[in-house]
Amino acid sequence: MRIATYYNNQDVRLGEQPTPQIGPGELLVEVLASGICGTDVMEWYRIKKAPRILGHEIAGKIVESKSEKYKTGQRVFVSHHVPCDKCKYCLADNHTACDTLHKGNYDPGGYSEFVRVPKINVDTGIYVLPEAVSYEEGTMIEPLACAIRGQRVIDVKKGQVVLILGSGVSGLLNIQLAKLKGAEVIATDINEYRLNKAKEFGADEIIDARQGFNIKADRIIICTGALEAVEEAFKSIDRSGVILFFAIPDKEIKIPIADFWRNEITITSSYGAAPVDLEESLDLIKNRKINVKDMITHRLPLEEIQEGFKIVSDAKESLKVVLEPKQKNCGPCP
């Protein structure tokens, strides 16, 4: 089968390796859509484990099953990280801190034609796609679930002013989700295309971050790795407010400690998604409560993954890039 191996952002190589053989309780899934995540182009983070076959936002079809729960032909989203549901973190509802979740994955990675799904992932990480949800939309289940968990951590609710710093894919998902909860949403970016998209996807107000602004927000969600956004977050958080690091910079940050103490600011982060978040995500997509379809701007065949990495890294007139191993290139989607 064909695979794409990551060495760095400018070197993602197409190659071949044998199709995985599955064991008892496992599945073989043909990858029909695989999203390129913004974290995959965080070179400072990914290169530490290179070379590696990345890809963790996949949807596809079961082509071989040794599990009693699932059968060949079923359309599925496959979660790459699953918790053990037994450790102290899981029992405290902190599933994304679970050691098992952080260590597990499917084999070899989503940037391939087929993946072997280990039994533990089969048991707790398979979600059958309703006919109303396309494979492409299925790749958005995990990113949306991450936003769901992040907003659950900081308790976004009706009546709050929520400031979203960065209007890429994660920003737009957080905008839609916060609006669904009844919050007033203000979004920023330095890219005019993405600012327009923020408005299109429901932001009450958009601000060009290069112009500066003077607002106070109850909740701030940082969806960009720009250090300037961190500085703006500390300037814009209201008393007793919460700052969520949904994305992180590659440098150390400075906390204005007097304001942090005097104004009772909370600073927190979120990583990944728990099964409950993935279930809610699929439900929101299925019922068209969150629009993920229109966020997919590019569809590329696996052999053009290097171009896909460039599009995501450049972050210009693009949002979600989805790889479709069986499809021919359609370029920018209509």
C-alpha atoms as a PDB file:
ATOM      1  CA  MET A   1       0.000   0.000   0.000  1.00  0.00           C
ATOM      2  CA  ARG A   2       1.020   3.631  -0.427  1.00  0.00           C
ATOM      3  CA  ILE A   3       2.101   5.652   2.590  1.00  0.00           C
ATOM      4  CA  ALA A   4       3.443   9.159   3.163  1.00  0.00           C
ATOM      5  CA  THR A   5       6.296   9.548   5.643  1.00  0.00           C
ATOM      6  CA  TYR A   6       6.946  12.861   7.388  1.00  0.00           C
ATOM      7  CA  TYR A   7      10.576  14.017   7.777  1.00  0.00           C
ATOM      8  CA  ASN A   8       9.896  17.736   8.025  1.00  0.00           C
ATOM      9  CA  ASN A   9       7.366  20.201   6.589  1.00  0.00           C
ATOM     10  CA  GLN A  10       9.270  20.384   3.290  1.00  0.00           C
ATOM     11  CA  ASP A  11       9.978  16.659   3.087  1.00  0.00           C
ATOM     12  CA  VAL A  12       6.971  14.347   3.151  1.00  0.00           C
ATOM     13  CA  ARG A  13       7.820  11.307   1.050  1.00  0.00           C
ATOM     14  CA  LEU A  14       5.443   8.969  -0.726  1.00  0.00           C
ATOM     15  CA  GLY A  15       6.422   5.324  -0.410  1.00  0.00           C
ATOM     16  CA  GLU A  16       5.191   1.766  -0.204  1.00  0.00           C
ATOM     17  CA  GLN A  17       4.899  -0.754   2.592  1.00  0.00           C
ATOM     18  CA  PRO A  18       2.932  -3.976   3.084  1.00  0.00           C
ATOM     19  CA  THR A  19      -0.705  -3.652   4.064  1.00  0.00           C
ATOM     20  CA  PRO A  20      -0.988  -4.402   7.807  1.00  0.00           C
ATOM     21  CA  GLN A  21      -2.183  -7.825   8.920  1.00  0.00           C
ATOM     22  CA  ILE A  22      -4.852  -7.770  11.591  1.00  0.00           C
ATOM     23  CA  GLY A  23      -5.186  -9.950  14.686  1.00  0.00           C
ATOM     24  CA  PRO A  24      -8.059 -11.046  16.933  1.00  0.00           C
ATOM     25  CA  GLY A  25     -10.516  -8.243  17.684  1.00  0.00           C
ATOM     26  CA  GLU A  26      -8.892  -5.897  15.162  1.00  0.00           C
ATOM     27  CA  LEU A  27     -10.050  -4.155  11.996  1.00  0.00           C
ATOM     28  CA  LEU A  28      -8.476  -3.219   8.689  1.00  0.00           C
ATOM     29  CA  VAL A  29      -9.882   0.110   7.486  1.00  0.00           C
ATOM     30  CA  GLU A  30      -9.426   1.579   4.028  1.00  0.00           C
ATOM     31  CA  VAL A  31      -8.690   5.279   4.458  1.00  0.00           C
ATOM     32  CA  LEU A  32     -11.011   7.257   2.196  1.00  0.00           C
ATOM     33  CA  ALA A  33     -10.458  10.690   3.740  1.00  0.00           C
ATOM     34  CA  SER A  34      -7.669  11.967   5.978  1.00  0.00           C
ATOM     35  CA  GLY A  35      -7.460  15.536   7.259  1.00  0.00           C
ATOM     36  CA  ILE A  36      -4.200  17.438   7.610  1.00  0.00           C
ATOM     37  CA  CYS A  37      -4.232  18.823  11.136  1.00  0.00           C
ATOM     38  CA  GLY A  38      -2.644  22.144  12.024  1.00  0.00           C
ATOM     39  CA  THR A  39      -0.538  20.313  14.609  1.00  0.00           C
ATOM     40  CA  ASP A  40       0.969  18.179  11.838  1.00  0.00           C
ATOM     41  CA  VAL A  41       2.669  21.263  10.402  1.00  0.00           C
ATOM     42  CA  MET A  42       3.967  22.385  13.820  1.00  0.00           C
ATOM     43  CA  GLU A  43       7.460  21.396  12.759  1.00  0.00           C
ATOM     44  CA  TRP A  44       9.135  22.163  16.098  1.00  0.00           C
ATOM     45  CA  TYR A  45       6.724  19.675  17.690  1.00  0.00           C
ATOM     46  CA  ARG A  46       6.529  16.954  15.031  1.00  0.00           C
ATOM     47  CA  ILE A  47      10.155  16.763  13.957  1.00  0.00           C
ATOM     48  CA  LYS A  48      11.184  15.330  17.335  1.00  0.00           C
ATOM     49  CA  LYS A  49       9.688  11.972  16.346  1.00  0.00           C
ATOM     50  CA  ALA A  50      10.464  12.054  12.613  1.00  0.00           C
ATOM     51  CA  PRO A  51      10.509  10.068  10.396  1.00  0.00           C
ATOM     52  CA  ARG A  52       6.930   9.080  11.053  1.00  0.00           C
ATOM     53  CA  ILE A  53       3.660   8.384   9.258  1.00  0.00           C
ATOM     54  CA  LEU A  54       1.337  11.037  10.629  1.00  0.00           C
ATOM     55  CA  GLY A  55      -2.396  11.507  10.139  1.00  0.00           C
ATOM     56  CA  HIS A  56      -5.015  11.163  12.884  1.00  0.00           C
ATOM     57  CA  GLU A  57      -8.223  12.524  11.360  1.00  0.00           C
ATOM     58  CA  ILE A  58      -9.481   9.634   9.260  1.00  0.00           C
ATOM     59  CA  ALA A  59     -12.710   8.207   7.965  1.00  0.00           C
ATOM     60  CA  GLY A  60     -13.034   5.132   5.825  1.00  0.00           C
ATOM     61  CA  LYS A  61     -14.542   1.723   5.226  1.00  0.00           C
ATOM     62  CA  ILE A  62     -13.940  -1.538   7.070  1.00  0.00           C
ATOM     63  CA  VAL A  63     -12.494  -4.017   4.573  1.00  0.00           C
ATOM     64  CA  GLU A  64     -11.585  -6.790   7.026  1.00  0.00           C
ATOM     65  CA  SER A  65     -12.930  -7.493  10.503  1.00  0.00           C
ATOM     66  CA  LYS A  66     -11.917  -9.884  13.259  1.00  0.00           C
ATOM     67  CA  SER A  67     -14.239  -8.183  15.710  1.00  0.00           C
ATOM     68  CA  GLU A  68     -17.734  -9.320  16.640  1.00  0.00           C
ATOM     69  CA  LYS A  69     -18.826  -5.682  16.994  1.00  0.00           C
ATOM     70  CA  TYR A  70     -18.178  -4.526  13.420  1.00  0.00           C
ATOM     71  CA  LYS A  71     -18.467  -5.947   9.936  1.00  0.00           C
ATOM     72  CA  THR A  72     -16.909  -5.304   6.558  1.00  0.00           C
ATOM     73  CA  GLY A  73     -18.453  -2.532   4.518  1.00  0.00           C
ATOM     74  CA  GLN A  74     -19.314  -0.292   7.470  1.00  0.00           C
ATOM     75  CA  ARG A  75     -18.418   3.392   7.113  1.00  0.00           C
ATOM     76  CA  VAL A  76     -16.501   4.576  10.158  1.00  0.00           C
ATOM     77  CA  PHE A  77     -14.545   7.323  11.851  1.00  0.00           C
ATOM     78  CA  VAL A  78     -11.604   5.884  13.794  1.00  0.00           C
ATOM     79  CA  SER A  79     -10.243   7.589  16.903  1.00  0.00           C
ATOM     80  CA  HIS A  80      -6.455   7.315  17.095  1.00  0.00           C
ATOM     81  CA  HIS A  81      -6.270   7.977  20.869  1.00  0.00           C
ATOM     82  CA  VAL A  82      -8.443   6.047  23.320  1.00  0.00           C
ATOM     83  CA  PRO A  83      -8.340   6.051  27.147  1.00  0.00           C
ATOM     84  CA  CYS A  84      -8.141   3.013  29.417  1.00  0.00           C
ATOM     85  CA  ASP A  85     -11.213   4.022  31.482  1.00  0.00           C
ATOM     86  CA  LYS A  86      -9.538   2.530  34.578  1.00  0.00           C
ATOM     87  CA  CYS A  87      -6.767   4.870  35.748  1.00  0.00           C
ATOM     88  CA  LYS A  88      -7.148   7.731  38.234  1.00  0.00           C
ATOM     89  CA  TYR A  89      -7.359  10.257  35.387  1.00  0.00           C
ATOM     90  CA  CYS A  90     -10.171   8.446  33.586  1.00  0.00           C
ATOM     91  CA  LEU A  91     -12.074   7.854  36.824  1.00  0.00           C
ATOM     92  CA  ALA A  92     -11.879  11.602  37.498  1.00  0.00           C
ATOM     93  CA  ASP A  93     -13.224  12.352  33.991  1.00  0.00           C
ATOM     94  CA  ASN A  94      -9.791  13.548  32.830  1.00  0.00           C
ATOM     95  CA  HIS A  95      -9.520  11.025  30.009  1.00  0.00           C
ATOM     96  CA  THR A  96      -7.097  13.074  27.932  1.00  0.00           C
ATOM     97  CA  ALA A  97      -4.505  12.830  30.715  1.00  0.00           C
ATOM     98  CA  CYS A  98      -4.586   9.017  30.520  1.00  0.00           C
ATOM     99  CA  ASP A  99      -1.243   7.335  29.750  1.00  0.00           C
ATOM    100  CA  THR A 100      -2.963   4.815  27.494  1.00  0.00           C
ATOM    101  CA  LEU A 101      -4.544   7.600  25.450  1.00  0.00           C
ATOM    102  CA  HIS A 102      -1.184   9.278  24.919  1.00  0.00           C
ATOM    103  CA  LYS A 103       0.622   6.077  23.938  1.00  0.00           C
ATOM    104  CA  GLY A 104      -1.919   4.444  21.635  1.00  0.00           C
ATOM    105  CA  ASN A 105      -2.511   4.894  17.905  1.00  0.00           C
ATOM    106  CA  TYR A 106      -3.557   3.031  14.826  1.00  0.00           C
ATOM    107  CA  ASP A 107      -1.038   1.402  12.501  1.00  0.00           C
ATOM    108  CA  PRO A 108       0.746   2.934  10.664  1.00  0.00           C
ATOM    109  CA  GLY A 109      -0.974   6.365  10.550  1.00  0.00           C
ATOM    110  CA  GLY A 110      -3.697   8.157   8.642  1.00  0.00           C
ATOM    111  CA  TYR A 111      -1.480   9.204   5.721  1.00  0.00           C
ATOM    112  CA  SER A 112      -1.746   5.745   4.192  1.00  0.00           C
ATOM    113  CA  GLU A 113      -4.202   3.708   2.166  1.00  0.00           C
ATOM    114  CA  PHE A 114      -5.085   1.311   4.981  1.00  0.00           C
ATOM    115  CA  VAL A 115      -4.777   1.258   8.766  1.00  0.00           C
ATOM    116  CA  ARG A 116      -4.824  -1.594  11.259  1.00  0.00           C
ATOM    117  CA  VAL A 117      -7.047  -0.671  14.188  1.00  0.00           C
ATOM    118  CA  PRO A 118      -5.825  -2.291  17.457  1.00  0.00           C
ATOM    119  CA  LYS A 119      -8.406  -4.051  19.634  1.00  0.00           C
ATOM    120  CA  ILE A 120      -8.456  -1.305  22.277  1.00  0.00           C
ATOM    121  CA  ASN A 121      -9.299   1.262  19.588  1.00  0.00           C
ATOM    122  CA  VAL A 122     -11.934  -1.078  18.164  1.00  0.00           C
ATOM    123  CA  ASP A 123     -13.517  -1.469  21.597  1.00  0.00           C
ATOM    124  CA  THR A 124     -13.806   2.246  22.398  1.00  0.00           C
ATOM    125  CA  GLY A 125     -12.735   4.281  19.367  1.00  0.00           C
ATOM    126  CA  ILE A 126     -14.915   3.286  16.412  1.00  0.00           C
ATOM    127  CA  TYR A 127     -17.846   5.492  15.402  1.00  0.00           C
ATOM    128  CA  VAL A 128     -20.141   4.312  12.611  1.00  0.00           C
ATOM    129  CA  LEU A 129     -20.919   7.146  10.214  1.00  0.00           C
ATOM    130  CA  PRO A 130     -24.589   7.767   9.428  1.00  0.00           C
ATOM    131  CA  GLU A 131     -25.378   8.042   5.733  1.00  0.00           C
ATOM    132  CA  ALA A 132     -25.942  11.774   6.251  1.00  0.00           C
ATOM    133  CA  VAL A 133     -22.262  12.239   7.179  1.00  0.00           C
ATOM    134  CA  SER A 134     -19.731  12.037   4.347  1.00  0.00           C
ATOM    135  CA  TYR A 135     -16.219  10.656   4.729  1.00  0.00           C
ATOM    136  CA  GLU A 136     -14.883  14.205   4.391  1.00  0.00           C
ATOM    137  CA  GLU A 137     -17.129  15.427   7.187  1.00  0.00           C
ATOM    138  CA  GLY A 138     -15.994  12.420   9.199  1.00  0.00           C
ATOM    139  CA  THR A 139     -12.448  13.802   9.229  1.00  0.00           C
ATOM    140  CA  MET A 140     -13.790  16.800  11.174  1.00  0.00           C
ATOM    141  CA  ILE A 141     -15.165  14.759  14.073  1.00  0.00           C
ATOM    142  CA  GLU A 142     -11.885  14.785  16.002  1.00  0.00           C
ATOM    143  CA  PRO A 143     -11.090  18.501  15.499  1.00  0.00           C
ATOM    144  CA  LEU A 144     -14.602  19.497  16.573  1.00  0.00           C
ATOM    145  CA  ALA A 145     -14.415  17.140  19.561  1.00  0.00           C
ATOM    146  CA  CYS A 146     -11.240  18.914  20.681  1.00  0.00           C
ATOM    147  CA  ALA A 147     -13.122  22.229  20.616  1.00  0.00           C
ATOM    148  CA  ILE A 148     -16.007  20.669  22.533  1.00  0.00           C
ATOM    149  CA  ARG A 149     -13.661  19.496  25.258  1.00  0.00           C
ATOM    150  CA  GLY A 150     -11.835  22.822  25.409  1.00  0.00           C
ATOM    151  CA  GLN A 151     -15.062  24.761  25.876  1.00  0.00           C
ATOM    152  CA  ARG A 152     -16.244  22.248  28.446  1.00  0.00           C
ATOM    153  CA  VAL A 153     -13.020  22.804  30.409  1.00  0.00           C
ATOM    154  CA  ILE A 154     -13.572  26.572  30.550  1.00  0.00           C
ATOM    155  CA  ASP A 155     -17.369  26.375  30.835  1.00  0.00           C
ATOM    156  CA  VAL A 156     -18.424  28.541  27.892  1.00  0.00           C
ATOM    157  CA  LYS A 157     -22.083  29.483  28.266  1.00  0.00           C
ATOM    158  CA  LYS A 158     -24.841  31.877  27.311  1.00  0.00           C
ATOM    159  CA  GLY A 159     -24.245  35.558  28.018  1.00  0.00           C
ATOM    160  CA  GLN A 160     -20.457  35.421  28.068  1.00  0.00           C
ATOM    161  CA  VAL A 161     -18.203  37.435  25.793  1.00  0.00           C
ATOM    162  CA  VAL A 162     -15.863  34.942  24.131  1.00  0.00           C
ATOM    163  CA  LEU A 163     -12.803  36.170  22.271  1.00  0.00           C
ATOM    164  CA  ILE A 164     -11.319  33.778  19.692  1.00  0.00           C
ATOM    165  CA  LEU A 165      -7.735  34.648  18.770  1.00  0.00           C
ATOM    166  CA  GLY A 166      -7.012  33.089  15.369  1.00  0.00           C
ATOM    167  CA  SER A 167      -9.663  32.199  12.783  1.00  0.00           C
ATOM    168  CA  GLY A 168      -8.233  29.119  11.137  1.00  0.00           C
ATOM    169  CA  VAL A 169      -9.958  25.736  11.349  1.00  0.00           C
ATOM    170  CA  SER A 170      -9.836  25.489  15.150  1.00  0.00           C
ATOM    171  CA  GLY A 171     -10.915  29.101  15.503  1.00  0.00           C
ATOM    172  CA  LEU A 172     -13.937  28.629  13.245  1.00  0.00           C
ATOM    173  CA  LEU A 173     -14.992  25.479  15.086  1.00  0.00           C
ATOM    174  CA  ASN A 174     -14.748  27.332  18.402  1.00  0.00           C
ATOM    175  CA  ILE A 175     -16.703  30.269  16.963  1.00  0.00           C
ATOM    176  CA  GLN A 176     -19.565  28.029  15.860  1.00  0.00           C
ATOM    177  CA  LEU A 177     -19.596  26.095  19.103  1.00  0.00           C
ATOM    178  CA  ALA A 178     -19.571  29.213  21.309  1.00  0.00           C
ATOM    179  CA  LYS A 179     -22.410  30.720  19.266  1.00  0.00           C
ATOM    180  CA  LEU A 180     -24.366  27.492  19.663  1.00  0.00           C
ATOM    181  CA  LYS A 181     -23.986  27.914  23.445  1.00  0.00           C
ATOM    182  CA  GLY A 182     -25.396  31.451  23.255  1.00  0.00           C
ATOM    183  CA  ALA A 183     -22.186  33.422  23.787  1.00  0.00           C
ATOM    184  CA  GLU A 184     -21.270  36.709  22.125  1.00  0.00           C
ATOM    185  CA  VAL A 185     -18.277  35.912  19.949  1.00  0.00           C
ATOM    186  CA  ILE A 186     -15.490  38.225  18.824  1.00  0.00           C
ATOM    187  CA  ALA A 187     -12.862  36.783  16.466  1.00  0.00           C
ATOM    188  CA  THR A 188      -9.467  38.055  15.365  1.00  0.00           C
ATOM    189  CA  ASP A 189      -6.897  37.220  12.723  1.00  0.00           C
ATOM    190  CA  ILE A 190      -4.325  38.978  10.546  1.00  0.00           C
ATOM    191  CA  ASN A 191      -5.581  37.327   7.353  1.00  0.00           C
ATOM    192  CA  GLU A 192      -8.486  39.026   5.561  1.00  0.00           C
ATOM    193  CA  TYR A 193      -9.702  35.751   4.050  1.00  0.00           C
ATOM    194  CA  ARG A 194      -9.950  34.124   7.470  1.00  0.00           C
ATOM    195  CA  LEU A 195     -11.534  37.174   9.046  1.00  0.00           C
ATOM    196  CA  ASN A 196     -14.263  37.016   6.395  1.00  0.00           C
ATOM    197  CA  LYS A 197     -14.686  33.323   7.127  1.00  0.00           C
ATOM    198  CA  ALA A 198     -15.015  34.078  10.840  1.00  0.00           C
ATOM    199  CA  LYS A 199     -17.919  36.380  10.022  1.00  0.00           C
ATOM    200  CA  GLU A 200     -19.400  33.818   7.650  1.00  0.00           C
ATOM    201  CA  PHE A 201     -19.301  31.135  10.348  1.00  0.00           C
ATOM    202  CA  GLY A 202     -21.064  33.256  12.930  1.00  0.00           C
ATOM    203  CA  ALA A 203     -18.736  35.675  14.740  1.00  0.00           C
ATOM    204  CA  ASP A 204     -20.622  38.712  16.015  1.00  0.00           C
ATOM    205  CA  GLU A 205     -17.586  40.921  15.478  1.00  0.00           C
ATOM    206  CA  ILE A 206     -14.301  40.481  13.624  1.00  0.00           C
ATOM    207  CA  ILE A 207     -11.095  42.398  14.329  1.00  0.00           C
ATOM    208  CA  ASP A 208      -7.875  42.669  12.348  1.00  0.00           C
ATOM    209  CA  ALA A 209      -5.365  41.813  15.065  1.00  0.00           C
ATOM    210  CA  ARG A 210      -2.749  44.049  13.432  1.00  0.00           C
ATOM    211  CA  GLN A 211      -4.852  47.101  14.250  1.00  0.00           C
ATOM    212  CA  GLY A 212      -5.013  46.397  17.972  1.00  0.00           C
ATOM    213  CA  PHE A 213      -8.190  46.452  20.064  1.00  0.00           C
ATOM    214  CA  ASN A 214      -9.528  47.332  23.456  1.00  0.00           C
ATOM    215  CA  ILE A 215     -12.105  44.858  24.744  1.00  0.00           C
ATOM    216  CA  LYS A 216     -12.696  42.728  27.831  1.00  0.00           C
ATOM    217  CA  ALA A 217     -13.762  39.133  27.434  1.00  0.00           C
ATOM    218  CA  ASP A 218     -14.998  36.544  29.928  1.00  0.00           C
ATOM    219  CA  ARG A 219     -13.375  33.693  28.053  1.00  0.00           C
ATOM    220  CA  ILE A 220     -10.465  33.817  25.596  1.00  0.00           C
ATOM    221  CA  ILE A 221      -9.553  30.874  23.381  1.00  0.00           C
ATOM    222  CA  ILE A 222      -6.109  31.088  21.790  1.00  0.00           C
ATOM    223  CA  CYS A 223      -6.260  29.306  18.419  1.00  0.00           C
ATOM    224  CA  THR A 224      -2.933  30.465  17.018  1.00  0.00           C
ATOM    225  CA  GLY A 225       0.677  29.858  17.920  1.00  0.00           C
ATOM    226  CA  ALA A 226       1.573  33.545  17.503  1.00  0.00           C
ATOM    227  CA  LEU A 227       3.214  34.941  20.614  1.00  0.00           C
ATOM    228  CA  GLU A 228       1.478  38.269  19.983  1.00  0.00           C
ATOM    229  CA  ALA A 229      -1.866  36.542  20.529  1.00  0.00           C
ATOM    230  CA  VAL A 230      -0.784  35.480  24.004  1.00  0.00           C
ATOM    231  CA  GLU A 231       0.092  39.068  24.840  1.00  0.00           C
ATOM    232  CA  GLU A 232      -3.298  40.241  23.539  1.00  0.00           C
ATOM    233  CA  ALA A 233      -5.036  37.580  25.615  1.00  0.00           C
ATOM    234  CA  PHE A 234      -3.569  38.914  28.863  1.00  0.00           C
ATOM    235  CA  LYS A 235      -4.556  42.460  27.883  1.00  0.00           C
ATOM    236  CA  SER A 236      -8.101  41.472  26.971  1.00  0.00           C
ATOM    237  CA  ILE A 237      -9.152  39.078  29.729  1.00  0.00           C
ATOM    238  CA  ASP A 238     -11.706  40.456  32.172  1.00  0.00           C
ATOM    239  CA  ARG A 239     -11.564  40.009  35.943  1.00  0.00           C
ATOM    240  CA  SER A 240     -12.225  36.375  36.944  1.00  0.00           C
ATOM    241  CA  GLY A 241     -11.885  35.449  33.271  1.00  0.00           C
ATOM    242  CA  VAL A 242     -10.369  32.310  31.792  1.00  0.00           C
ATOM    243  CA  ILE A 243      -7.728  32.026  29.051  1.00  0.00           C
ATOM    244  CA  LEU A 244      -7.610  28.708  27.203  1.00  0.00           C
ATOM    245  CA  PHE A 245      -4.509  27.684  25.295  1.00  0.00           C
ATOM    246  CA  PHE A 246      -6.126  25.661  22.514  1.00  0.00           C
ATOM    247  CA  ALA A 247      -2.985  26.253  20.447  1.00  0.00           C
ATOM    248  CA  ILE A 248       0.442  26.970  21.877  1.00  0.00           C
ATOM    249  CA  PRO A 249       3.449  29.044  20.801  1.00  0.00           C
ATOM    250  CA  ASP A 250       6.865  27.430  20.370  1.00  0.00           C
ATOM    251  CA  LYS A 251       8.402  29.838  22.879  1.00  0.00           C
ATOM    252  CA  GLU A 252       8.058  30.446  26.591  1.00  0.00           C
ATOM    253  CA  ILE A 253       5.441  32.979  27.587  1.00  0.00           C
ATOM    254  CA  LYS A 254       5.486  35.747  30.180  1.00  0.00           C
ATOM    255  CA  ILE A 255       2.586  36.002  32.612  1.00  0.00           C
ATOM    256  CA  PRO A 256       1.771  39.488  33.956  1.00  0.00           C
ATOM    257  CA  ILE A 257       1.811  38.141  37.474  1.00  0.00           C
ATOM    258  CA  ALA A 258       0.296  41.159  39.247  1.00  0.00           C
ATOM    259  CA  ASP A 259      -2.753  41.167  36.956  1.00  0.00           C
ATOM    260  CA  PHE A 260      -2.946  37.372  37.162  1.00  0.00           C
ATOM    261  CA  TRP A 261      -3.138  37.573  40.969  1.00  0.00           C
ATOM    262  CA  ARG A 262      -5.131  40.756  41.493  1.00  0.00           C
ATOM    263  CA  ASN A 263      -7.758  40.026  38.818  1.00  0.00           C
ATOM    264  CA  GLU A 264      -8.090  36.316  39.628  1.00  0.00           C
ATOM    265  CA  ILE A 265      -7.358  35.196  36.076  1.00  0.00           C
ATOM    266  CA  THR A 266      -7.379  31.501  35.247  1.00  0.00           C
ATOM    267  CA  ILE A 267      -4.983  30.140  32.615  1.00  0.00           C
ATOM    268  CA  THR A 268      -5.535  26.625  31.359  1.00  0.00           C
ATOM    269  CA  SER A 269      -5.082  24.366  28.337  1.00  0.00           C
ATOM    270  CA  SER A 270      -6.812  21.491  26.600  1.00  0.00           C
ATOM    271  CA  TYR A 271      -5.394  18.601  24.629  1.00  0.00           C
ATOM    272  CA  GLY A 272      -7.288  16.113  22.518  1.00  0.00           C
ATOM    273  CA  ALA A 273     -10.763  14.751  23.096  1.00  0.00           C
ATOM    274  CA  ALA A 274     -12.467  12.119  25.215  1.00  0.00           C
ATOM    275  CA  PRO A 275     -15.011   9.586  23.910  1.00  0.00           C
ATOM    276  CA  VAL A 276     -17.910  11.688  25.203  1.00  0.00           C
ATOM    277  CA  ASP A 277     -16.615  14.640  23.171  1.00  0.00           C
ATOM    278  CA  LEU A 278     -16.311  12.544  20.013  1.00  0.00           C
ATOM    279  CA  GLU A 279     -19.873  11.280  20.435  1.00  0.00           C
ATOM    280  CA  GLU A 280     -21.182  14.823  20.846  1.00  0.00           C
ATOM    281  CA  SER A 281     -19.144  15.965  17.857  1.00  0.00           C
ATOM    282  CA  LEU A 282     -20.599  13.306  15.572  1.00  0.00           C
ATOM    283  CA  ASP A 283     -24.092  14.180  16.789  1.00  0.00           C
ATOM    284  CA  LEU A 284     -23.593  17.911  16.085  1.00  0.00           C
ATOM    285  CA  ILE A 285     -22.272  17.194  12.586  1.00  0.00           C
ATOM    286  CA  LYS A 286     -25.011  14.671  11.823  1.00  0.00           C
ATOM    287  CA  ASN A 287     -27.741  17.077  12.900  1.00  0.00           C
ATOM    288  CA  ARG A 288     -26.150  20.011  11.035  1.00  0.00           C
ATOM    289  CA  LYS A 289     -25.734  22.041  14.231  1.00  0.00           C
ATOM    290  CA  ILE A 290     -22.094  22.724  13.263  1.00  0.00           C
ATOM    291  CA  ASN A 291     -21.147  23.348   9.638  1.00  0.00           C
ATOM    292  CA  VAL A 292     -17.939  21.470   8.881  1.00  0.00           C
ATOM    293  CA  LYS A 293     -18.626  20.740   5.215  1.00  0.00           C
ATOM    294  CA  ASP A 294     -17.992  24.318   4.092  1.00  0.00           C
ATOM    295  CA  MET A 295     -14.720  24.421   6.001  1.00  0.00           C
ATOM    296  CA  ILE A 296     -13.140  21.895   3.636  1.00  0.00           C
ATOM    297  CA  THR A 297     -11.448  24.048   1.006  1.00  0.00           C
ATOM    298  CA  HIS A 298      -9.024  21.597  -0.617  1.00  0.00           C
ATOM    299  CA  ARG A 299      -9.164  17.911  -1.550  1.00  0.00           C
ATOM    300  CA  LEU A 300      -5.950  16.266  -2.706  1.00  0.00           C
ATOM    301  CA  PRO A 301      -4.821  12.742  -3.578  1.00  0.00           C
ATOM    302  CA  LEU A 302      -2.232  11.147  -1.297  1.00  0.00           C
ATOM    303  CA  GLU A 303       0.564  11.710  -3.818  1.00  0.00           C
ATOM    304  CA  GLU A 304       0.072  15.473  -3.419  1.00  0.00           C
ATOM    305  CA  ILE A 305       0.451  15.483   0.347  1.00  0.00           C
ATOM    306  CA  GLN A 306       3.512  17.741   0.090  1.00  0.00           C
ATOM    307  CA  GLU A 307       1.351  20.375  -1.582  1.00  0.00           C
ATOM    308  CA  GLY A 308      -1.201  19.858   1.169  1.00  0.00           C
ATOM    309  CA  PHE A 309       1.418  20.537   3.835  1.00  0.00           C
ATOM    310  CA  LYS A 310       2.410  23.725   2.006  1.00  0.00           C
ATOM    311  CA  ILE A 311      -1.180  24.933   1.820  1.00  0.00           C
ATOM    312  CA  VAL A 312      -1.726  24.332   5.534  1.00  0.00           C
ATOM    313  CA  SER A 313       1.630  25.855   6.502  1.00  0.00           C
ATOM    314  CA  ASP A 314       1.124  28.970   4.365  1.00  0.00           C
ATOM    315  CA  ALA A 315      -2.324  29.504   5.921  1.00  0.00           C
ATOM    316  CA  LYS A 316      -3.497  31.882   3.198  1.00  0.00           C
ATOM    317  CA  GLU A 317      -6.769  31.313   1.331  1.00  0.00           C
ATOM    318  CA  SER A 318      -7.442  27.889   2.743  1.00  0.00           C
ATOM    319  CA  LEU A 319      -9.071  26.175   5.680  1.00  0.00           C
ATOM    320  CA  LYS A 320      -9.245  22.383   5.881  1.00  0.00           C
ATOM    321  CA  VAL A 321      -7.171  20.258   3.519  1.00  0.00           C
ATOM    322  CA  VAL A 322      -8.372  16.661   3.159  1.00  0.00           C
ATOM    323  CA  LEU A 323      -6.405  13.875   1.509  1.00  0.00           C
ATOM    324  CA  GLU A 324      -8.406  11.318  -0.453  1.00  0.00           C
ATOM    325  CA  PRO A 325      -6.137   8.411  -1.418  1.00  0.00           C
ATOM    326  CA  LYS A 326      -8.525   7.044  -4.069  1.00  0.00           C
ATOM    327  CA  GLN A 327      -9.400  10.372  -5.673  1.00  0.00           C
ATOM    328  CA  LYS A 328      -7.849  12.496  -8.376  1.00  0.00           C
ATOM    329  CA  ASN A 329      -6.849  16.072  -7.604  1.00  0.00           C
ATOM    330  CA  CYS A 330      -9.689  18.606  -7.743  1.00  0.00           C
ATOM    331  CA  GLY A 331      -7.559  21.525  -6.478  1.00  0.00           C
ATOM    332  CA  PRO A 332      -9.458  24.202  -4.568  1.00  0.00           C
ATOM    333  CA  CYS A 333     -12.950  22.910  -3.940  1.00  0.00           C
ATOM    334  CA  PRO A 334     -15.931  24.697  -5.508  1.00  0.00           C
END
